[in-house]
N, C-alpha and C. Protein backbone atom coordinates (compact mmCIF):
# COMPACT_ATOMS: atom_id res chain seq x y z
N MET A 1 7.62 7.97 -15.09
CA MET A 1 7.23 7.36 -13.84
C MET A 1 8.42 6.56 -13.32
N ASP A 2 8.72 6.78 -12.06
CA ASP A 2 9.83 6.07 -11.45
C ASP A 2 9.32 5.40 -10.18
N ILE A 3 9.36 4.08 -10.16
CA ILE A 3 8.94 3.31 -9.00
C ILE A 3 10.11 2.44 -8.57
N GLU A 4 10.52 2.64 -7.33
CA GLU A 4 11.62 1.86 -6.76
C GLU A 4 11.04 0.87 -5.75
N ILE A 5 11.49 -0.38 -5.85
CA ILE A 5 11.08 -1.38 -4.87
C ILE A 5 12.33 -1.95 -4.23
N GLN A 6 12.30 -1.99 -2.91
CA GLN A 6 13.40 -2.59 -2.15
C GLN A 6 12.81 -3.68 -1.27
N ASN A 7 13.32 -4.88 -1.41
CA ASN A 7 12.83 -6.01 -0.64
C ASN A 7 13.83 -6.34 0.46
N ASP A 8 13.53 -5.89 1.68
CA ASP A 8 14.42 -6.08 2.82
C ASP A 8 13.95 -7.20 3.75
N GLN A 9 13.13 -8.08 3.27
CA GLN A 9 12.63 -9.17 4.11
C GLN A 9 12.98 -10.51 3.46
N GLU A 10 13.01 -11.53 4.30
CA GLU A 10 13.30 -12.88 3.82
C GLU A 10 12.22 -13.86 4.26
N VAL A 11 11.06 -13.33 4.65
CA VAL A 11 9.97 -14.16 5.15
C VAL A 11 9.32 -14.95 4.02
N CYS A 12 9.06 -14.27 2.91
CA CYS A 12 8.37 -14.88 1.78
C CYS A 12 9.02 -14.45 0.48
N LYS A 13 8.91 -15.30 -0.50
CA LYS A 13 9.36 -14.93 -1.84
C LYS A 13 8.32 -14.00 -2.45
N VAL A 14 8.79 -12.87 -2.94
CA VAL A 14 7.90 -11.86 -3.54
C VAL A 14 8.44 -11.53 -4.92
N ASP A 15 7.54 -11.48 -5.90
CA ASP A 15 7.92 -11.08 -7.25
C ASP A 15 7.89 -9.56 -7.32
N SER A 16 9.04 -8.95 -7.06
CA SER A 16 9.14 -7.48 -7.03
C SER A 16 8.82 -6.85 -8.37
N LEU A 17 9.21 -7.50 -9.46
CA LEU A 17 8.93 -6.94 -10.79
C LEU A 17 7.43 -6.91 -11.07
N GLU A 18 6.74 -7.94 -10.65
CA GLU A 18 5.29 -7.95 -10.86
C GLU A 18 4.61 -6.90 -9.98
N LEU A 19 5.05 -6.76 -8.74
CA LEU A 19 4.49 -5.73 -7.86
C LEU A 19 4.74 -4.34 -8.44
N LYS A 20 5.92 -4.14 -8.99
CA LYS A 20 6.24 -2.85 -9.63
C LYS A 20 5.32 -2.61 -10.82
N SER A 21 5.07 -3.64 -11.61
CA SER A 21 4.16 -3.52 -12.75
C SER A 21 2.75 -3.12 -12.29
N HIS A 22 2.29 -3.72 -11.21
CA HIS A 22 0.97 -3.36 -10.66
C HIS A 22 0.97 -1.90 -10.21
N ALA A 23 2.04 -1.48 -9.54
CA ALA A 23 2.13 -0.09 -9.07
C ALA A 23 2.09 0.88 -10.25
N GLU A 24 2.78 0.55 -11.33
CA GLU A 24 2.76 1.40 -12.53
C GLU A 24 1.35 1.53 -13.08
N LYS A 25 0.62 0.42 -13.09
CA LYS A 25 -0.76 0.44 -13.58
C LYS A 25 -1.63 1.36 -12.70
N PHE A 26 -1.43 1.30 -11.39
CA PHE A 26 -2.20 2.15 -10.48
C PHE A 26 -1.85 3.62 -10.69
N MET A 27 -0.57 3.90 -10.84
CA MET A 27 -0.13 5.29 -11.03
C MET A 27 -0.75 5.87 -12.31
N ARG A 28 -0.76 5.09 -13.38
CA ARG A 28 -1.38 5.56 -14.63
C ARG A 28 -2.88 5.79 -14.43
N ALA A 29 -3.55 4.84 -13.77
CA ALA A 29 -4.99 4.96 -13.54
C ALA A 29 -5.34 6.17 -12.68
N LEU A 30 -4.42 6.56 -11.82
CA LEU A 30 -4.64 7.71 -10.94
C LEU A 30 -4.13 9.01 -11.54
N GLY A 31 -3.63 8.97 -12.78
CA GLY A 31 -3.12 10.17 -13.43
C GLY A 31 -1.83 10.67 -12.82
N ARG A 32 -1.05 9.78 -12.24
CA ARG A 32 0.19 10.17 -11.56
C ARG A 32 1.42 9.58 -12.26
N GLN A 33 1.35 9.44 -13.58
CA GLN A 33 2.45 8.82 -14.31
C GLN A 33 3.74 9.64 -14.31
N ASP A 34 3.69 10.90 -13.93
CA ASP A 34 4.91 11.73 -13.85
C ASP A 34 5.54 11.70 -12.45
N ASP A 35 4.92 10.98 -11.53
CA ASP A 35 5.38 10.98 -10.15
C ASP A 35 6.28 9.79 -9.84
N GLU A 36 6.94 9.90 -8.69
CA GLU A 36 7.83 8.84 -8.22
C GLU A 36 7.25 8.22 -6.96
N LEU A 37 7.52 6.93 -6.80
CA LEU A 37 7.02 6.18 -5.65
C LEU A 37 8.10 5.21 -5.21
N SER A 38 8.24 5.07 -3.90
CA SER A 38 9.17 4.10 -3.33
C SER A 38 8.37 3.08 -2.53
N ILE A 39 8.67 1.81 -2.74
CA ILE A 39 8.00 0.72 -2.02
C ILE A 39 9.07 -0.08 -1.29
N LEU A 40 8.86 -0.28 0.00
CA LEU A 40 9.80 -1.04 0.81
C LEU A 40 9.06 -2.23 1.41
N LEU A 41 9.59 -3.42 1.19
CA LEU A 41 9.02 -4.64 1.74
C LEU A 41 9.87 -5.07 2.93
N VAL A 42 9.22 -5.24 4.08
CA VAL A 42 9.95 -5.54 5.32
C VAL A 42 9.26 -6.68 6.08
N ASP A 43 9.84 -7.05 7.21
CA ASP A 43 9.22 -8.03 8.10
C ASP A 43 8.53 -7.29 9.25
N ASP A 44 7.91 -8.04 10.13
CA ASP A 44 7.16 -7.42 11.24
C ASP A 44 8.06 -6.61 12.17
N ALA A 45 9.26 -7.10 12.45
CA ALA A 45 10.15 -6.38 13.37
C ALA A 45 10.50 -5.00 12.81
N ASP A 46 10.79 -4.93 11.52
CA ASP A 46 11.15 -3.65 10.91
C ASP A 46 9.97 -2.68 10.87
N ILE A 47 8.79 -3.18 10.53
CA ILE A 47 7.65 -2.26 10.47
C ILE A 47 7.22 -1.84 11.87
N GLN A 48 7.42 -2.71 12.86
CA GLN A 48 7.13 -2.33 14.24
C GLN A 48 8.05 -1.19 14.66
N ASN A 49 9.33 -1.26 14.31
CA ASN A 49 10.26 -0.18 14.63
C ASN A 49 9.83 1.13 13.98
N LEU A 50 9.44 1.09 12.72
CA LEU A 50 8.98 2.29 12.02
C LEU A 50 7.70 2.83 12.65
N ASN A 51 6.78 1.93 12.99
CA ASN A 51 5.52 2.34 13.60
C ASN A 51 5.76 3.01 14.95
N ARG A 52 6.70 2.49 15.71
CA ARG A 52 7.04 3.06 17.01
C ARG A 52 7.70 4.44 16.82
N GLN A 53 8.64 4.53 15.89
CA GLN A 53 9.37 5.79 15.66
C GLN A 53 8.47 6.90 15.13
N HIS A 54 7.58 6.58 14.21
CA HIS A 54 6.83 7.62 13.50
C HIS A 54 5.39 7.80 13.95
N ARG A 55 4.83 6.80 14.63
CA ARG A 55 3.44 6.90 15.04
C ARG A 55 3.24 6.63 16.53
N ASN A 56 4.33 6.41 17.25
CA ASN A 56 4.27 6.10 18.68
C ASN A 56 3.38 4.90 18.99
N ARG A 57 3.37 3.93 18.08
CA ARG A 57 2.60 2.70 18.28
C ARG A 57 3.59 1.54 18.24
N ASP A 58 3.76 0.89 19.36
CA ASP A 58 4.76 -0.16 19.48
C ASP A 58 4.16 -1.52 19.10
N SER A 59 3.79 -1.63 17.84
CA SER A 59 3.25 -2.90 17.34
C SER A 59 3.49 -2.96 15.83
N ALA A 60 3.51 -4.19 15.34
CA ALA A 60 3.62 -4.37 13.89
C ALA A 60 2.29 -3.96 13.26
N THR A 61 2.36 -3.53 12.02
CA THR A 61 1.17 -3.20 11.26
C THR A 61 1.37 -3.72 9.85
N ASP A 62 0.37 -3.60 9.01
CA ASP A 62 0.49 -4.15 7.67
C ASP A 62 1.15 -3.19 6.68
N VAL A 63 0.80 -1.92 6.76
CA VAL A 63 1.32 -0.95 5.79
C VAL A 63 1.44 0.43 6.44
N LEU A 64 2.50 1.13 6.07
CA LEU A 64 2.70 2.51 6.50
C LEU A 64 2.98 3.36 5.25
N SER A 65 2.54 4.59 5.29
CA SER A 65 2.78 5.53 4.19
C SER A 65 3.50 6.76 4.72
N PHE A 66 4.50 7.19 3.98
CA PHE A 66 5.27 8.37 4.35
C PHE A 66 5.28 9.34 3.18
N PRO A 67 4.36 10.31 3.16
CA PRO A 67 4.31 11.25 2.04
C PRO A 67 5.55 12.14 2.00
N GLN A 68 5.96 12.48 0.79
CA GLN A 68 7.10 13.36 0.60
C GLN A 68 6.68 14.76 0.19
N MET A 69 5.42 14.90 -0.18
CA MET A 69 4.91 16.20 -0.61
C MET A 69 3.87 16.68 0.40
N ASP A 70 3.80 17.99 0.55
CA ASP A 70 2.69 18.55 1.30
C ASP A 70 1.94 19.49 0.36
N ASP A 71 0.93 20.14 0.85
CA ASP A 71 0.09 20.97 -0.02
C ASP A 71 0.86 22.10 -0.69
N ASP A 72 1.98 22.53 -0.10
CA ASP A 72 2.75 23.63 -0.66
C ASP A 72 3.87 23.18 -1.58
N ASP A 73 4.06 21.88 -1.74
CA ASP A 73 5.19 21.35 -2.50
C ASP A 73 4.71 20.77 -3.83
N PHE A 74 4.63 21.63 -4.84
CA PHE A 74 4.17 21.18 -6.15
C PHE A 74 5.32 20.95 -7.12
N ILE A 75 6.53 21.24 -6.70
CA ILE A 75 7.68 21.07 -7.59
C ILE A 75 8.11 19.61 -7.62
N SER A 76 8.18 18.99 -6.47
CA SER A 76 8.62 17.60 -6.39
C SER A 76 7.55 16.68 -6.93
N HIS A 77 7.99 15.64 -7.60
CA HIS A 77 7.05 14.62 -8.09
C HIS A 77 7.16 13.35 -7.27
N MET A 78 7.87 13.42 -6.14
CA MET A 78 8.01 12.26 -5.28
C MET A 78 6.80 12.16 -4.37
N LEU A 79 5.95 11.17 -4.62
CA LEU A 79 4.76 10.98 -3.78
C LEU A 79 5.16 10.59 -2.37
N GLY A 80 6.06 9.63 -2.26
CA GLY A 80 6.47 9.18 -0.94
C GLY A 80 6.81 7.71 -0.93
N ASP A 81 6.78 7.17 0.28
CA ASP A 81 7.17 5.78 0.50
C ASP A 81 5.99 4.98 1.05
N VAL A 82 5.85 3.77 0.54
CA VAL A 82 4.89 2.80 1.08
C VAL A 82 5.72 1.65 1.62
N VAL A 83 5.53 1.36 2.91
CA VAL A 83 6.25 0.27 3.56
C VAL A 83 5.24 -0.82 3.90
N ILE A 84 5.51 -2.03 3.44
CA ILE A 84 4.59 -3.15 3.63
C ILE A 84 5.29 -4.26 4.40
N SER A 85 4.64 -4.76 5.45
CA SER A 85 5.15 -5.93 6.14
C SER A 85 4.64 -7.17 5.41
N VAL A 86 5.56 -7.88 4.77
CA VAL A 86 5.20 -9.10 4.05
C VAL A 86 4.77 -10.18 5.04
N GLU A 87 5.35 -10.15 6.21
CA GLU A 87 4.99 -11.13 7.24
C GLU A 87 3.53 -10.97 7.66
N THR A 88 3.10 -9.74 7.89
CA THR A 88 1.70 -9.48 8.23
C THR A 88 0.81 -9.75 7.03
N ALA A 89 1.26 -9.38 5.85
CA ALA A 89 0.48 -9.62 4.63
C ALA A 89 0.21 -11.11 4.44
N GLU A 90 1.20 -11.93 4.74
CA GLU A 90 1.01 -13.38 4.60
C GLU A 90 -0.09 -13.89 5.53
N ARG A 91 -0.10 -13.41 6.78
CA ARG A 91 -1.14 -13.82 7.72
C ARG A 91 -2.52 -13.32 7.28
N GLN A 92 -2.57 -12.04 6.88
CA GLN A 92 -3.86 -11.46 6.48
C GLN A 92 -4.40 -12.10 5.21
N ALA A 93 -3.53 -12.51 4.33
CA ALA A 93 -3.98 -13.14 3.08
C ALA A 93 -4.84 -14.37 3.39
N LYS A 94 -4.43 -15.12 4.38
CA LYS A 94 -5.21 -16.31 4.76
C LYS A 94 -6.57 -15.90 5.31
N GLU A 95 -6.60 -14.86 6.13
CA GLU A 95 -7.87 -14.39 6.71
C GLU A 95 -8.81 -13.86 5.63
N HIS A 96 -8.25 -13.21 4.62
CA HIS A 96 -9.05 -12.59 3.56
C HIS A 96 -9.34 -13.53 2.39
N HIS A 97 -8.81 -14.75 2.48
CA HIS A 97 -8.96 -15.75 1.42
C HIS A 97 -8.34 -15.25 0.11
N PHE A 98 -7.17 -14.65 0.26
CA PHE A 98 -6.41 -14.12 -0.86
C PHE A 98 -5.07 -14.86 -0.98
N SER A 99 -4.46 -14.72 -2.13
CA SER A 99 -3.07 -15.13 -2.29
C SER A 99 -2.20 -14.03 -1.67
N LEU A 100 -0.93 -14.33 -1.44
CA LEU A 100 -0.02 -13.30 -0.93
C LEU A 100 0.05 -12.15 -1.92
N GLU A 101 0.10 -12.43 -3.21
CA GLU A 101 0.15 -11.36 -4.22
C GLU A 101 -1.06 -10.45 -4.12
N GLN A 102 -2.23 -11.01 -3.97
CA GLN A 102 -3.44 -10.20 -3.86
C GLN A 102 -3.39 -9.31 -2.61
N GLU A 103 -2.93 -9.88 -1.51
CA GLU A 103 -2.84 -9.09 -0.27
C GLU A 103 -1.82 -7.97 -0.40
N LEU A 104 -0.68 -8.26 -1.02
CA LEU A 104 0.33 -7.22 -1.23
C LEU A 104 -0.20 -6.11 -2.12
N VAL A 105 -0.95 -6.46 -3.14
CA VAL A 105 -1.56 -5.46 -4.02
C VAL A 105 -2.55 -4.62 -3.23
N LEU A 106 -3.36 -5.24 -2.41
CA LEU A 106 -4.33 -4.51 -1.59
C LEU A 106 -3.62 -3.52 -0.66
N LEU A 107 -2.54 -3.96 -0.04
CA LEU A 107 -1.81 -3.08 0.87
C LEU A 107 -1.09 -1.98 0.11
N LEU A 108 -0.58 -2.29 -1.07
CA LEU A 108 0.05 -1.27 -1.91
C LEU A 108 -0.97 -0.18 -2.27
N ILE A 109 -2.14 -0.58 -2.67
CA ILE A 109 -3.20 0.38 -3.00
C ILE A 109 -3.53 1.23 -1.78
N HIS A 110 -3.69 0.58 -0.64
CA HIS A 110 -4.04 1.30 0.58
C HIS A 110 -2.99 2.36 0.90
N GLY A 111 -1.72 1.98 0.85
CA GLY A 111 -0.65 2.92 1.12
C GLY A 111 -0.58 4.04 0.11
N LEU A 112 -0.74 3.69 -1.16
CA LEU A 112 -0.70 4.69 -2.23
C LEU A 112 -1.83 5.71 -2.07
N LEU A 113 -3.01 5.24 -1.76
CA LEU A 113 -4.14 6.16 -1.57
C LEU A 113 -3.90 7.10 -0.39
N HIS A 114 -3.28 6.60 0.66
CA HIS A 114 -2.93 7.49 1.78
C HIS A 114 -1.96 8.58 1.31
N LEU A 115 -1.00 8.21 0.47
CA LEU A 115 -0.07 9.22 -0.05
C LEU A 115 -0.78 10.29 -0.85
N LEU A 116 -1.89 9.92 -1.46
CA LEU A 116 -2.65 10.86 -2.29
C LEU A 116 -3.71 11.63 -1.49
N GLY A 117 -3.72 11.44 -0.19
CA GLY A 117 -4.64 12.22 0.65
C GLY A 117 -5.89 11.51 1.10
N TYR A 118 -6.12 10.30 0.66
CA TYR A 118 -7.27 9.55 1.14
C TYR A 118 -7.01 9.17 2.61
N ASP A 119 -8.07 9.22 3.42
CA ASP A 119 -7.91 8.86 4.82
C ASP A 119 -9.21 8.28 5.34
N HIS A 120 -9.23 6.98 5.54
CA HIS A 120 -10.42 6.27 6.00
C HIS A 120 -10.77 6.59 7.45
N GLU A 121 -9.85 7.23 8.19
CA GLU A 121 -10.10 7.53 9.59
C GLU A 121 -10.71 8.92 9.81
N ARG A 122 -10.80 9.73 8.76
CA ARG A 122 -11.31 11.09 8.89
C ARG A 122 -12.81 11.15 9.13
N SER A 123 -13.54 10.36 8.34
CA SER A 123 -14.99 10.38 8.45
C SER A 123 -15.57 9.15 7.75
N PRO A 124 -16.81 8.81 8.04
CA PRO A 124 -17.43 7.68 7.35
C PRO A 124 -17.49 7.89 5.82
N GLU A 125 -17.68 9.13 5.39
CA GLU A 125 -17.73 9.42 3.96
C GLU A 125 -16.35 9.19 3.32
N ASP A 126 -15.30 9.63 4.02
CA ASP A 126 -13.94 9.41 3.51
C ASP A 126 -13.60 7.93 3.48
N GLU A 127 -14.04 7.21 4.48
CA GLU A 127 -13.81 5.76 4.50
C GLU A 127 -14.49 5.09 3.31
N LYS A 128 -15.71 5.50 3.03
CA LYS A 128 -16.46 4.93 1.91
C LYS A 128 -15.77 5.26 0.58
N ALA A 129 -15.29 6.49 0.43
CA ALA A 129 -14.60 6.90 -0.80
C ALA A 129 -13.31 6.11 -0.99
N MET A 130 -12.58 5.92 0.11
CA MET A 130 -11.31 5.19 0.01
C MET A 130 -11.56 3.72 -0.33
N LYS A 131 -12.56 3.13 0.27
CA LYS A 131 -12.89 1.73 -0.04
C LYS A 131 -13.29 1.59 -1.51
N ALA A 132 -14.10 2.51 -2.00
CA ALA A 132 -14.53 2.44 -3.40
C ALA A 132 -13.34 2.55 -4.34
N LYS A 133 -12.42 3.47 -4.07
CA LYS A 133 -11.23 3.64 -4.91
C LYS A 133 -10.33 2.41 -4.81
N THR A 134 -10.22 1.86 -3.60
CA THR A 134 -9.41 0.66 -3.40
C THR A 134 -9.89 -0.47 -4.30
N TRP A 135 -11.19 -0.72 -4.28
CA TRP A 135 -11.72 -1.85 -5.05
C TRP A 135 -11.73 -1.57 -6.54
N GLU A 136 -11.85 -0.30 -6.91
CA GLU A 136 -11.74 0.07 -8.33
C GLU A 136 -10.34 -0.28 -8.85
N LEU A 137 -9.32 0.09 -8.09
CA LEU A 137 -7.94 -0.20 -8.50
C LEU A 137 -7.63 -1.69 -8.41
N PHE A 138 -8.09 -2.34 -7.36
CA PHE A 138 -7.85 -3.78 -7.20
C PHE A 138 -8.43 -4.55 -8.39
N ASP A 139 -9.58 -4.10 -8.86
CA ASP A 139 -10.26 -4.75 -9.99
C ASP A 139 -9.45 -4.64 -11.28
N LEU A 140 -8.55 -3.67 -11.38
CA LEU A 140 -7.69 -3.56 -12.56
C LEU A 140 -6.75 -4.75 -12.67
N ILE A 141 -6.35 -5.31 -11.55
CA ILE A 141 -5.41 -6.42 -11.51
C ILE A 141 -6.13 -7.76 -11.35
N PHE A 142 -7.12 -7.77 -10.50
CA PHE A 142 -7.85 -9.01 -10.18
C PHE A 142 -9.35 -8.79 -10.39
N PRO A 143 -9.80 -8.76 -11.64
CA PRO A 143 -11.21 -8.48 -11.91
C PRO A 143 -12.14 -9.46 -11.22
N GLY A 144 -13.15 -8.91 -10.56
CA GLY A 144 -14.19 -9.72 -9.93
C GLY A 144 -13.79 -10.38 -8.62
N GLN A 145 -12.57 -10.19 -8.17
CA GLN A 145 -12.12 -10.80 -6.91
C GLN A 145 -12.48 -9.89 -5.74
N THR A 146 -13.05 -10.45 -4.70
CA THR A 146 -13.33 -9.68 -3.49
C THR A 146 -12.89 -10.50 -2.28
N PRO A 147 -12.54 -9.83 -1.20
CA PRO A 147 -12.08 -10.55 0.00
C PRO A 147 -13.24 -11.05 0.84
N SER A 148 -12.89 -11.79 1.87
CA SER A 148 -13.90 -12.21 2.83
C SER A 148 -14.36 -10.99 3.63
N SER A 149 -15.40 -11.18 4.39
CA SER A 149 -15.94 -10.06 5.18
C SER A 149 -14.98 -9.60 6.27
N SER A 150 -13.91 -10.36 6.53
CA SER A 150 -12.95 -9.96 7.56
C SER A 150 -12.03 -8.83 7.09
N CYS A 151 -12.05 -8.54 5.81
CA CYS A 151 -11.17 -7.50 5.25
C CYS A 151 -11.83 -6.14 5.41
N GLY A 152 -11.15 -5.23 6.11
CA GLY A 152 -11.70 -3.90 6.37
C GLY A 152 -11.39 -2.88 5.29
N TYR A 153 -10.68 -3.29 4.26
CA TYR A 153 -10.32 -2.33 3.22
C TYR A 153 -11.44 -2.23 2.25
């Protein structure tokens, strides 16, 4: 398993080694221990640029996922990239009554599940499945912790 983390933001202090450890735990739990994952931590300006370039949405967001494999690509073990705005995560953490670490873990899970084909926007059933998997994985790191009702994940 190869997980690369690049911290390109200076908004908040983030323990990249701990976030990497959490990502490794998720990859093992998902049976993806032979795969590679890239995590990029950015500020709102950087994620807004990526959102505009790749999704035609000119606004900051919390997390973006960029898969590297498609259905026909079984040779590569590179799942893709998860880009997280630490600046947005810090704001959302307060709304969700979470620590910054908890919010970053939640966003990491969300991005990782998108790389694996989960999509909460496809249907109510898919949204329910993604939420269930999100909280199953979150519970591996923070047992019994749940967010406020303002959290849509």
